[in-house]
Amino acid sequence: MKKITFVDDSQTVQKKLELVLTRAGFDFKGFTNPEMALQYHTEEKPDLLILDYYMLGLDADKFMVQVSEKLLFGDFEIVLFTASDLSEEKKLMLQTLGITNFLSKNISDEKLVEFVNSLIGQTS
C-alpha cells in the first residue's frame, strides 16, 4: 500500500483528504505539527509528502530547508497543496527546495485521486 504523509494546520482539510485517499486505498497519515511530520517521514519513508504552504509555526520554504538538512530526499514526491496563489518566482524557488508539484485546495475528490495515482501509481 502506498504511503502518504500530509501536513496542514487545518484539521478539516486533513480529515477530508484522509477520507478521500484512504477510500482510494492509500495509507494516509496526517499531521498539524510539521516537526512531528518530519520525524514520521524519517521513520516511515512515505511515497508522497503533501504539505500546505502555511503551516503552524512554519511555512513550506522553511519546512523544505529542514527536509534538505535532514537529507530526507529520496524516492518520493513532494506536493505543495495550497489555496494561495503563488507567483511563478515563488514556485521556482520552492522547486529548487524540492517541491515537485503544486496542487490547488479547490481540486475535486476525483481529480485528487487521479493526481495522486499519476504521481505514485495505482493503489494495490
Protein backbone atom coordinates (compact mmCIF):
# COMPACT_ATOMS: atom_id res chain seq x y z
CA MET A 1 0.00 0.00 0.00
CA LYS A 2 1.39 3.42 -0.98
CA LYS A 3 2.06 5.76 1.95
CA ILE A 4 1.12 9.44 2.03
CA THR A 5 2.18 11.97 4.65
CA PHE A 6 0.08 15.15 4.80
CA VAL A 7 0.93 18.34 6.70
CA ASP A 8 -1.68 21.07 7.18
CA ASP A 9 -2.72 23.04 10.23
CA SER A 10 -6.39 22.68 9.25
CA GLN A 11 -7.85 19.54 10.76
CA THR A 12 -10.89 19.96 8.49
CA VAL A 13 -8.74 19.75 5.35
CA GLN A 14 -6.76 16.91 6.88
CA LYS A 15 -9.88 14.85 7.65
CA LYS A 16 -11.25 15.42 4.14
CA LEU A 17 -8.05 14.23 2.46
CA GLU A 18 -7.78 11.30 4.83
CA LEU A 19 -11.29 10.18 3.93
CA VAL A 20 -10.77 10.57 0.19
CA LEU A 21 -7.32 8.99 0.00
CA THR A 22 -7.91 6.09 2.40
CA ARG A 23 -11.06 5.21 0.46
CA ALA A 24 -8.88 5.16 -2.65
CA GLY A 25 -6.63 2.60 -0.94
CA PHE A 26 -3.73 4.73 0.28
CA ASP A 27 -2.11 4.58 3.72
CA PHE A 28 -2.63 8.19 4.90
CA LYS A 29 -1.02 9.86 7.89
CA GLY A 30 -1.90 13.49 8.61
CA PHE A 31 -0.14 15.99 10.84
CA THR A 32 -0.88 19.50 12.05
CA ASN A 33 2.62 19.75 13.52
CA PRO A 34 5.39 19.98 10.86
CA GLU A 35 8.07 18.76 13.28
CA MET A 36 6.14 15.57 14.02
CA ALA A 37 5.63 15.08 10.28
CA LEU A 38 9.39 15.31 9.69
CA GLN A 39 10.05 12.70 12.37
CA TYR A 40 7.39 10.37 10.92
CA HIS A 41 8.73 10.91 7.42
CA THR A 42 12.23 9.94 8.55
CA GLU A 43 10.97 6.71 10.11
CA GLU A 44 8.29 5.61 7.66
CA LYS A 45 9.65 6.76 4.28
CA PRO A 46 6.32 7.55 2.56
CA ASP A 47 5.87 7.60 -1.19
CA LEU A 48 4.29 11.05 -1.19
CA LEU A 49 4.57 14.14 1.02
CA ILE A 50 1.77 16.70 0.66
CA LEU A 51 2.07 19.96 2.53
CA ASP A 52 0.28 23.24 2.89
CA TYR A 53 2.25 26.41 2.24
CA TYR A 54 1.28 28.00 5.55
CA MET A 55 1.68 25.63 8.48
CA LEU A 56 1.57 26.21 12.21
CA GLY A 57 4.81 27.95 13.12
CA LEU A 58 6.47 27.19 9.78
CA ASP A 59 5.94 27.83 6.09
CA ALA A 60 6.78 25.49 3.23
CA ASP A 61 10.11 27.20 2.47
CA LYS A 62 11.43 26.63 5.98
CA PHE A 63 9.97 23.13 6.12
CA MET A 64 11.76 22.20 2.88
CA VAL A 65 15.05 23.58 4.23
CA GLN A 66 14.64 21.22 7.19
CA VAL A 67 13.89 18.33 4.82
CA SER A 68 17.10 19.04 2.91
CA GLU A 69 19.15 19.50 6.10
CA LYS A 70 17.99 16.11 7.33
CA LEU A 71 18.69 14.63 3.87
CA LEU A 72 15.17 13.28 3.62
CA PHE A 73 15.06 13.48 -0.15
CA GLY A 74 14.67 10.16 -1.84
CA ASP A 75 12.31 8.19 -3.94
CA PHE A 76 9.18 10.20 -3.15
CA GLU A 77 7.21 13.14 -4.49
CA ILE A 78 6.60 16.39 -2.64
CA VAL A 79 3.41 18.32 -3.44
CA LEU A 80 2.50 21.78 -2.24
CA PHE A 81 -1.25 21.78 -1.55
CA THR A 82 -2.40 25.35 -1.12
CA ALA A 83 -5.24 27.82 -1.51
CA SER A 84 -2.67 30.60 -2.03
CA ASP A 85 -1.96 31.96 -5.47
CA LEU A 86 1.81 31.72 -5.65
CA SER A 87 3.87 33.74 -8.09
CA GLU A 88 5.96 31.92 -10.69
CA GLU A 89 9.06 33.24 -8.91
CA LYS A 90 7.91 31.68 -5.61
CA LYS A 91 7.09 28.38 -7.36
CA LEU A 92 10.56 28.27 -8.93
CA MET A 93 12.18 28.94 -5.55
CA LEU A 94 10.12 26.14 -3.96
CA GLN A 95 11.10 23.77 -6.77
CA THR A 96 14.76 24.43 -6.01
CA LEU A 97 13.98 23.33 -2.44
CA GLY A 98 12.46 20.05 -3.63
CA ILE A 99 8.76 20.69 -4.26
CA THR A 100 7.89 18.57 -7.31
CA ASN A 101 4.25 19.60 -7.90
CA PHE A 102 1.67 22.21 -6.95
CA LEU A 103 -1.98 21.47 -6.29
CA SER A 104 -4.93 23.74 -5.53
CA LYS A 105 -7.03 23.01 -2.46
CA ASN A 106 -10.06 23.53 -4.68
CA ILE A 107 -9.46 20.26 -6.54
CA SER A 108 -12.32 17.76 -6.67
CA ASP A 109 -12.00 14.46 -4.81
CA GLU A 110 -11.93 12.53 -8.08
CA LYS A 111 -9.20 14.71 -9.58
CA LEU A 112 -7.20 14.46 -6.35
CA VAL A 113 -7.21 10.66 -6.51
CA GLU A 114 -6.28 10.77 -10.22
CA PHE A 115 -3.45 13.18 -9.47
CA VAL A 116 -2.06 11.07 -6.62
CA ASN A 117 -2.29 7.91 -8.73
CA SER A 118 -0.42 9.65 -11.55
CA LEU A 119 2.41 10.53 -9.17
CA ILE A 120 2.87 7.36 -7.14
CA GLY A 121 1.00 4.72 -9.06
CA GLN A 122 -2.25 2.90 -8.60
CA THR A 123 -3.04 1.54 -5.21
CA SER A 124 -2.92 -2.21 -4.81
